[in-house]
Each structure stands twice: as structure tokens, then as C-alpha cells.
Amino acid sequence: MEQRLTLGKRIAAARRRSDGKLTQAQVAEELRVTPQAVSGWERDESRPDIGKLDALARLLGTSVDYLMGGDPDLIKSVHTELDQQWAEQGRRLAQTPEYQRVFLAEKLTKGPLGGAADFPIYIAASDTEGSMTIEASPIQFVRRPPLLERVSGSYGVLISGNDMEPAYRERDLVLVHPLASMSSDADVLLLKRPPSSGDAQALLRRLALQDERTFTVRRFNPPESVTVARSDWPICHGIVGRLSSLYFLN
């Protein structure tokens, strides 16, 4: 029966199932639209802009695929357009001084983050070899995420590249725990040296296997598993959280 639901009915059903049973007004406030717009979506009188779909799905605790009703052609077209929009927005915003001086200061010191502004944020640039170079100097110090509130040496990195899409996208902020216990299927940041000691080459990957001499890691785009020597990548830090680029671009 649910497979026959329209987009509007799926939005309404997901909203009523969401944590706290969000009202149309609350959804509208989060997405910066009018309550009338949300009402129109649910009555199938209009559709959300594609740029709002991912944020809507995250807010309702579901997926774009669910909202689209499982139509493979429609899902593919939506994801393609979203990817293009995110990439272009990320490129434009990352080139502006305001991205470093204003957006980070405003976005990261409100909402889910709190405490003293002593959490360093580094920015990374893509390398030709599929790795990233993390710049030595933090671009901003912000309030600590609760998850890392008491973790000395933790930090955030604004990542570059699309090697780990769809799990991580260009300009997502990854939250890094230097002492996290690493197990198979954990997301990790392999480093030549700590960012605090100078520009650092890094790999963001999914850990598959490890032994005393090697790490076997996976990337998602394109899918590939490789084994690297610990002597080449002596530092392995855990990724314990992510803030989507959409969080900054709203």
C-alpha cells in the first residue's frame, strides 16, 4: 500500500512519524519556507525544490529515496541534480573569505554545538593522488561538539574531494577523535603527521582490516580497496561525526 503513496502523503507520513511529531510550522521553520508551502507539499499541490529534498529527508528521519517512492529514474535524476547543486555551492562558498570568517563563526557556535571556542577547524585541499592536504593552521576555533567535549587533541576538518561520496561530500566537516578505538568498518583519517605540526597529507577512508604493518581501507567513489603500510601512514584517527555541507549552506 505504501508504495502507492504520493510524494505529499509520504512527506506527511514521515512528519507524523518523526521524533517529536513535527508540525508543519516546525518543518517550515527548519527549511526556511512558509507553513503554507509545507501544507501544499503534503496535499500534492506543489513539490519541494530539489535543493530542499535532502534537508527535508534528514529532518524527517528518512531518505530522499523513500520520499520519491522508489522510482529509480526519478531518484537518479534527483540525486544527480543535488550533487551538482552541492558541488557548485561548495565551490562558490569555499572561495569567499566570508566562508572562513563568518559562516564558520556563526554556524558552529550555535545550535548543537556548545562550550568554549577552543576546537580547531582545519581546511583540506584535494591532491592528485586521491589524498588530501590539511593546512597546518586552523582557519577557525569554535565551540566543541558535545561528542568531543572532553577529548584532548580532537579537531575538525573541512574535507575536499568526492572519494567517499555518498557518505561524505565536498566541504562536509568531519569530527576527528585522535584516541578512538579503531575496528573494522570504522571511518578513519590516516595521516602522515598531525595537522598541528605542519601541512599534513591525509586519507579519509573506511577501515576494512588492519595488522601490525598495514591498513586495508576502502574508498567509495569509485569503489576500491587498497592496502597501505603503517610506516607510510603512521597516524590513524577516528571519524566520530560529520556535519553536512548543507548545514553551512542553509
Protein backbone atom coordinates (compact mmCIF):
# COMPACT_ATOMS: atom_id res chain seq x y z
CA MET A 1 0.00 0.00 0.00
CA GLU A 2 2.78 2.46 0.98
CA GLN A 3 4.39 2.01 -2.45
CA ARG A 4 1.35 3.79 -3.94
CA LEU A 5 1.67 6.83 -1.68
CA THR A 6 2.31 10.13 -3.41
CA LEU A 7 5.24 12.37 -2.52
CA GLY A 8 2.93 14.56 -0.45
CA LYS A 9 1.47 11.65 1.50
CA ARG A 10 4.99 10.30 2.16
CA ILE A 11 6.10 13.68 3.49
CA ALA A 12 3.05 13.84 5.75
CA ALA A 13 3.52 10.25 6.96
CA ALA A 14 7.23 10.78 7.69
CA ARG A 15 6.49 14.04 9.52
CA ARG A 16 3.95 12.35 11.78
CA ARG A 17 6.39 9.51 12.49
CA SER A 18 9.31 11.84 13.19
CA ASP A 19 10.82 12.38 16.63
CA GLY A 20 8.53 14.73 18.47
CA LYS A 21 5.92 14.51 15.68
CA LEU A 22 6.92 17.71 13.95
CA THR A 23 4.22 20.17 12.95
CA GLN A 24 4.04 21.72 9.51
CA ALA A 25 5.09 25.04 11.08
CA GLN A 26 8.20 23.44 12.63
CA VAL A 27 9.18 21.85 9.32
CA ALA A 28 8.67 25.19 7.60
CA GLU A 29 10.86 26.98 10.15
CA GLU A 30 13.68 24.46 9.79
CA LEU A 31 13.63 24.64 5.98
CA ARG A 32 13.04 28.40 5.84
CA VAL A 33 9.81 28.18 3.91
CA THR A 34 6.24 29.09 4.83
CA PRO A 35 3.83 26.69 6.59
CA GLN A 36 1.59 27.13 3.57
CA ALA A 37 4.37 25.72 1.37
CA VAL A 38 4.66 22.60 3.55
CA SER A 39 0.89 22.21 3.52
CA GLY A 40 0.94 22.45 -0.26
CA TRP A 41 3.60 19.74 -0.49
CA GLU A 42 1.56 17.37 1.67
CA ARG A 43 -1.59 17.97 -0.41
CA ASP A 44 0.42 17.37 -3.62
CA GLU A 45 -0.39 20.88 -4.84
CA SER A 46 3.33 21.62 -5.22
CA ARG A 47 6.70 19.96 -4.69
CA PRO A 48 9.71 20.98 -2.61
CA ASP A 49 12.64 22.41 -4.52
CA ILE A 50 15.18 19.70 -5.22
CA GLY A 51 17.67 21.62 -3.12
CA LYS A 52 15.35 21.20 -0.10
CA LEU A 53 14.69 17.47 -0.51
CA ASP A 54 17.79 16.18 1.25
CA ALA A 55 17.39 18.58 4.16
CA LEU A 56 13.70 17.61 4.39
CA ALA A 57 14.52 13.90 4.40
CA ARG A 58 17.16 14.36 7.13
CA LEU A 59 14.77 16.45 9.23
CA LEU A 60 12.06 13.78 8.99
CA GLY A 61 14.48 10.93 9.70
CA THR A 62 14.01 9.29 6.32
CA SER A 63 15.66 9.29 2.89
CA VAL A 64 15.19 11.05 -0.42
CA ASP A 65 14.66 7.60 -1.96
CA TYR A 66 11.69 6.95 0.36
CA LEU A 67 10.12 10.33 -0.38
CA MET A 68 10.48 9.66 -4.11
CA GLY A 69 8.58 6.40 -3.73
CA GLY A 70 11.33 4.11 -5.01
CA ASP A 71 11.13 5.33 -8.63
CA PRO A 72 14.69 4.58 -9.84
CA ASP A 73 14.70 7.09 -12.70
CA LEU A 74 13.32 9.88 -10.53
CA ILE A 75 15.70 9.05 -7.68
CA LYS A 76 18.68 9.09 -10.04
CA SER A 77 17.71 12.44 -11.54
CA VAL A 78 17.15 13.98 -8.09
CA HIS A 79 20.50 12.74 -6.75
CA THR A 80 22.31 13.94 -9.86
CA GLU A 81 20.84 17.42 -9.55
CA LEU A 82 21.54 17.52 -5.79
CA ASP A 83 25.16 16.51 -6.36
CA GLN A 84 25.58 19.24 -8.95
CA GLN A 85 24.00 21.86 -6.71
CA TRP A 86 26.08 20.89 -3.68
CA ALA A 87 29.32 20.83 -5.63
CA GLU A 88 28.67 24.23 -7.17
CA GLN A 89 27.55 25.77 -3.88
CA GLY A 90 30.57 24.34 -2.10
CA ARG A 91 32.98 25.66 -4.74
CA ARG A 92 31.48 29.14 -4.72
CA LEU A 93 31.28 29.43 -0.96
CA ALA A 94 34.71 27.97 -0.24
CA GLN A 95 36.28 30.68 -2.41
CA THR A 96 34.90 33.54 -0.34
CA PRO A 97 36.55 34.99 2.77
CA GLU A 98 33.13 35.07 4.41
CA TYR A 99 33.09 31.26 4.41
CA GLN A 100 36.01 31.21 6.81
CA ARG A 101 35.29 34.34 8.81
CA VAL A 102 31.52 34.44 9.07
CA PHE A 103 29.80 31.14 8.25
CA LEU A 104 32.00 29.02 10.49
CA ALA A 105 31.86 31.50 13.35
CA GLU A 106 28.07 31.78 13.13
CA LYS A 107 27.06 28.22 12.29
CA LEU A 108 29.43 26.33 14.55
CA THR A 109 28.84 28.42 17.64
CA LYS A 110 25.07 27.88 17.63
CA GLY A 111 22.62 25.03 17.67
CA PRO A 112 24.03 21.60 18.53
CA LEU A 113 27.48 22.88 19.50
CA GLY A 114 28.36 24.49 22.80
CA GLY A 115 31.16 25.34 25.24
CA ALA A 116 34.38 27.31 24.93
CA ALA A 117 35.64 28.21 21.45
CA ASP A 118 38.78 26.06 21.58
CA PHE A 119 38.00 23.40 18.95
CA PRO A 120 40.30 23.83 15.90
CA ILE A 121 38.88 23.59 12.38
CA TYR A 122 41.32 22.81 9.57
CA ILE A 123 40.67 23.01 5.85
CA ALA A 124 41.83 20.41 3.32
CA ALA A 125 42.64 20.60 -0.39
CA SER A 126 42.50 17.66 -2.79
CA ASP A 127 45.72 16.11 -4.11
CA THR A 128 46.16 14.44 -7.48
CA GLU A 129 46.88 11.11 -5.77
CA GLY A 130 43.42 10.90 -4.18
CA SER A 131 44.55 12.12 -0.78
CA MET A 132 44.05 15.50 0.89
CA THR A 133 46.48 18.05 2.25
CA ILE A 134 45.31 19.53 5.53
CA GLU A 135 46.65 23.02 6.04
CA ALA A 136 48.78 23.48 9.14
CA SER A 137 46.99 26.49 10.64
CA PRO A 138 43.37 26.19 11.78
CA ILE A 139 41.06 28.56 9.92
CA GLN A 140 38.84 28.93 12.97
CA PHE A 141 38.43 27.93 16.61
CA VAL A 142 34.85 27.12 17.54
CA ARG A 143 32.85 25.65 20.38
CA ARG A 144 33.34 21.95 20.94
CA PRO A 145 30.79 19.39 19.76
CA PRO A 146 29.34 17.59 22.81
CA LEU A 147 30.70 14.31 21.46
CA LEU A 148 34.27 15.66 21.78
CA GLU A 149 33.78 17.99 24.70
CA ARG A 150 36.35 16.23 26.90
CA VAL A 151 38.62 14.76 24.21
CA SER A 152 42.02 16.41 24.20
CA GLY A 153 43.57 16.79 20.76
CA SER A 154 40.29 16.41 18.86
CA TYR A 155 39.66 18.61 15.84
CA GLY A 156 37.53 19.12 12.74
CA VAL A 157 38.43 19.05 9.05
CA LEU A 158 36.52 20.58 6.17
CA ILE A 159 37.17 17.86 3.63
CA SER A 160 37.83 18.15 -0.07
CA GLY A 161 37.17 15.75 -2.93
CA ASN A 162 34.45 13.19 -3.67
CA ASP A 163 36.32 9.95 -2.92
CA MET A 164 33.92 8.99 -0.13
CA GLU A 165 30.58 10.04 -1.61
CA PRO A 166 27.82 9.42 -0.74
CA ALA A 167 28.94 9.02 2.91
CA TYR A 168 30.94 12.26 2.84
CA ARG A 169 30.63 15.17 0.44
CA GLU A 170 32.75 18.12 -0.57
CA ARG A 171 33.09 20.59 2.34
CA ASP A 172 31.46 18.35 4.93
CA LEU A 173 33.01 18.88 8.35
CA VAL A 174 34.33 15.65 9.87
CA LEU A 175 34.83 15.45 13.63
CA VAL A 176 38.08 13.69 14.49
CA HIS A 177 38.84 11.75 17.69
CA PRO A 178 42.59 11.02 17.93
CA LEU A 179 42.17 8.31 20.58
CA ALA A 180 39.12 6.47 19.24
CA SER A 181 39.33 2.67 19.20
CA MET A 182 39.58 1.51 15.58
CA SER A 183 37.67 -1.55 14.38
CA SER A 184 36.55 -2.89 11.01
CA ASP A 185 34.03 -0.65 9.24
CA ALA A 186 35.12 2.41 11.21
CA ASP A 187 35.74 5.60 9.25
CA VAL A 188 39.27 6.84 9.76
CA LEU A 189 41.64 9.63 8.85
CA LEU A 190 45.11 8.32 8.00
CA LEU A 191 47.83 10.93 8.32
CA LYS A 192 51.50 11.33 7.53
CA ARG A 193 51.76 13.65 10.54
CA PRO A 194 49.38 15.60 12.81
CA PRO A 195 47.90 18.77 11.29
CA SER A 196 49.22 20.76 14.25
CA SER A 197 52.82 20.01 13.17
CA GLY A 198 52.54 21.37 9.60
CA ASP A 199 50.69 20.72 6.34
CA ALA A 200 49.59 17.09 6.60
CA GLN A 201 48.78 14.60 3.85
CA ALA A 202 45.67 12.61 4.78
CA LEU A 203 43.34 9.86 3.56
CA LEU A 204 39.68 9.67 4.61
CA ARG A 205 38.66 6.03 4.24
CA ARG A 206 36.55 3.16 5.64
CA LEU A 207 38.77 0.74 7.58
CA ALA A 208 38.40 -2.87 6.43
CA LEU A 209 41.35 -4.70 8.04
CA GLN A 210 44.46 -3.87 9.99
CA ASP A 211 47.51 -5.65 11.32
CA GLU A 212 50.86 -4.64 12.79
CA ARG A 213 52.21 -3.47 9.44
CA THR A 214 49.29 -2.45 7.24
CA PHE A 215 45.84 -0.91 6.94
CA THR A 216 43.39 -2.17 4.34
CA VAL A 217 40.96 0.64 3.58
CA ARG A 218 38.08 1.29 1.21
CA ARG A 219 37.01 4.31 -0.73
CA PHE A 220 33.51 4.62 -2.18
CA ASN A 221 33.88 6.69 -5.35
CA PRO A 222 34.98 4.81 -7.35
CA PRO A 223 34.80 1.68 -5.17
CA GLU A 224 38.27 0.43 -4.36
CA SER A 225 40.09 -1.39 -1.56
CA VAL A 226 43.80 -0.82 -1.05
CA THR A 227 46.40 -1.91 1.49
CA VAL A 228 48.80 0.75 2.73
CA ALA A 229 51.80 0.47 5.00
CA ARG A 230 51.60 1.81 8.54
CA SER A 231 55.11 3.14 8.02
CA ASP A 232 53.72 5.43 5.28
CA TRP A 233 50.61 6.38 7.27
CA PRO A 234 51.70 6.18 10.92
CA ILE A 235 48.72 8.07 12.38
CA CYS A 236 45.17 6.71 12.39
CA HIS A 237 42.48 8.94 13.89
CA GLY A 238 38.81 8.05 14.15
CA ILE A 239 35.96 9.91 12.48
CA VAL A 240 33.18 10.09 15.06
CA GLY A 241 30.80 12.54 13.45
CA ARG A 242 30.01 14.73 10.47
CA LEU A 243 28.26 18.00 9.80
CA SER A 244 26.86 18.08 6.30
CA SER A 245 27.82 20.86 3.92
CA LEU A 246 24.06 21.58 3.86
CA TYR A 247 24.41 22.71 7.49
CA PHE A 248 26.64 25.54 6.34
CA LEU A 249 24.82 26.30 3.10
CA ASN A 250 21.31 26.75 4.50
